[in-house]
Amino acid sequence: MSKYEDILDEHPREFWEEQIKRWVFDEQARYALIRSLLDGVPYERIAEELNLSRTTVYKKITEYSEKLFKHI
């Protein structure tokens, strides 16, 4: 369960996709956020899809989630 789950439920998916595109400029981070926050895909799977380590995916999602939700 994401610490942002309550906030995510306040708006439709399209709203979040738009906000992610607006505030996240790193392509891999954008993809990882959508897959994690909106699709519920675990970090391990996202890491495989992006050919990155799980740690890198975790760091990207953590960093960019904080930036994203600061603007919402």
Protein backbone atom coordinates (compact mmCIF):
# COMPACT_ATOMS: atom_id res chain seq x y z
CA MET A 1 0.00 0.00 0.00
CA SER A 2 1.39 3.36 -1.07
CA LYS A 3 1.57 6.18 1.43
CA TYR A 4 -0.05 8.26 -1.30
CA GLU A 5 -2.96 5.90 -1.91
CA ASP A 6 -5.57 8.20 -0.32
CA ILE A 7 -4.38 11.13 -2.41
CA LEU A 8 -4.32 9.02 -5.58
CA ASP A 9 -7.96 8.06 -5.03
CA GLU A 10 -9.01 11.72 -5.05
CA HIS A 11 -8.50 12.10 -8.82
CA PRO A 12 -8.90 9.93 -11.93
CA ARG A 13 -5.93 8.25 -13.61
CA GLU A 14 -5.88 10.83 -16.41
CA PHE A 15 -5.30 13.60 -13.88
CA TRP A 16 -2.28 11.77 -12.43
CA GLU A 17 -0.83 10.96 -15.85
CA GLU A 18 -1.07 14.66 -16.73
CA GLN A 19 0.59 15.72 -13.45
CA ILE A 20 3.39 13.19 -13.85
CA LYS A 21 4.06 14.46 -17.37
CA ARG A 22 3.98 18.03 -16.09
CA TRP A 23 6.35 17.63 -13.13
CA VAL A 24 8.59 14.65 -13.91
CA PHE A 25 11.09 15.20 -16.71
CA ASP A 26 13.17 12.03 -16.32
CA GLU A 27 11.65 9.49 -18.77
CA GLN A 28 12.54 6.47 -16.66
CA ALA A 29 11.19 8.08 -13.51
CA ARG A 30 7.99 9.02 -15.32
CA TYR A 31 7.52 5.45 -16.52
CA ALA A 32 8.35 4.04 -13.07
CA LEU A 33 5.88 6.36 -11.32
CA ILE A 34 3.05 5.44 -13.66
CA ARG A 35 3.78 1.73 -13.33
CA SER A 36 4.15 1.88 -9.56
CA LEU A 37 1.58 4.45 -8.43
CA LEU A 38 -1.11 3.97 -11.06
CA ASP A 39 -0.67 0.34 -12.12
CA GLY A 40 0.50 -1.11 -8.80
CA VAL A 41 3.46 -2.92 -10.34
CA PRO A 42 6.19 -3.93 -7.85
CA TYR A 43 9.64 -2.34 -8.00
CA GLU A 44 11.29 -5.62 -9.05
CA ARG A 45 9.16 -5.88 -12.17
CA ILE A 46 9.66 -2.21 -13.06
CA ALA A 47 13.42 -2.72 -12.64
CA GLU A 48 13.29 -5.62 -15.11
CA GLU A 49 11.23 -3.58 -17.59
CA LEU A 50 13.69 -0.68 -17.44
CA ASN A 51 16.81 -2.84 -17.12
CA LEU A 52 17.73 -1.04 -13.89
CA SER A 53 18.46 -2.24 -10.38
CA ARG A 54 15.62 -2.41 -7.88
CA THR A 55 17.48 0.15 -5.76
CA THR A 56 17.64 2.63 -8.64
CA VAL A 57 13.93 2.22 -9.32
CA TYR A 58 13.14 2.68 -5.63
CA LYS A 59 15.23 5.86 -5.48
CA LYS A 60 13.61 7.30 -8.61
CA ILE A 61 10.09 6.56 -7.40
CA THR A 62 10.79 7.93 -3.93
CA GLU A 63 12.48 11.11 -5.14
CA TYR A 64 9.99 11.94 -7.87
CA SER A 65 6.92 10.99 -5.82
CA GLU A 66 7.94 13.57 -3.24
CA LYS A 67 8.44 16.20 -5.93
CA LEU A 68 5.15 15.34 -7.60
CA PHE A 69 3.02 15.39 -4.46
CA LYS A 70 4.61 18.63 -3.27
CA HIS A 71 2.93 20.32 -6.25
CA ILE A 72 -0.48 18.75 -5.79
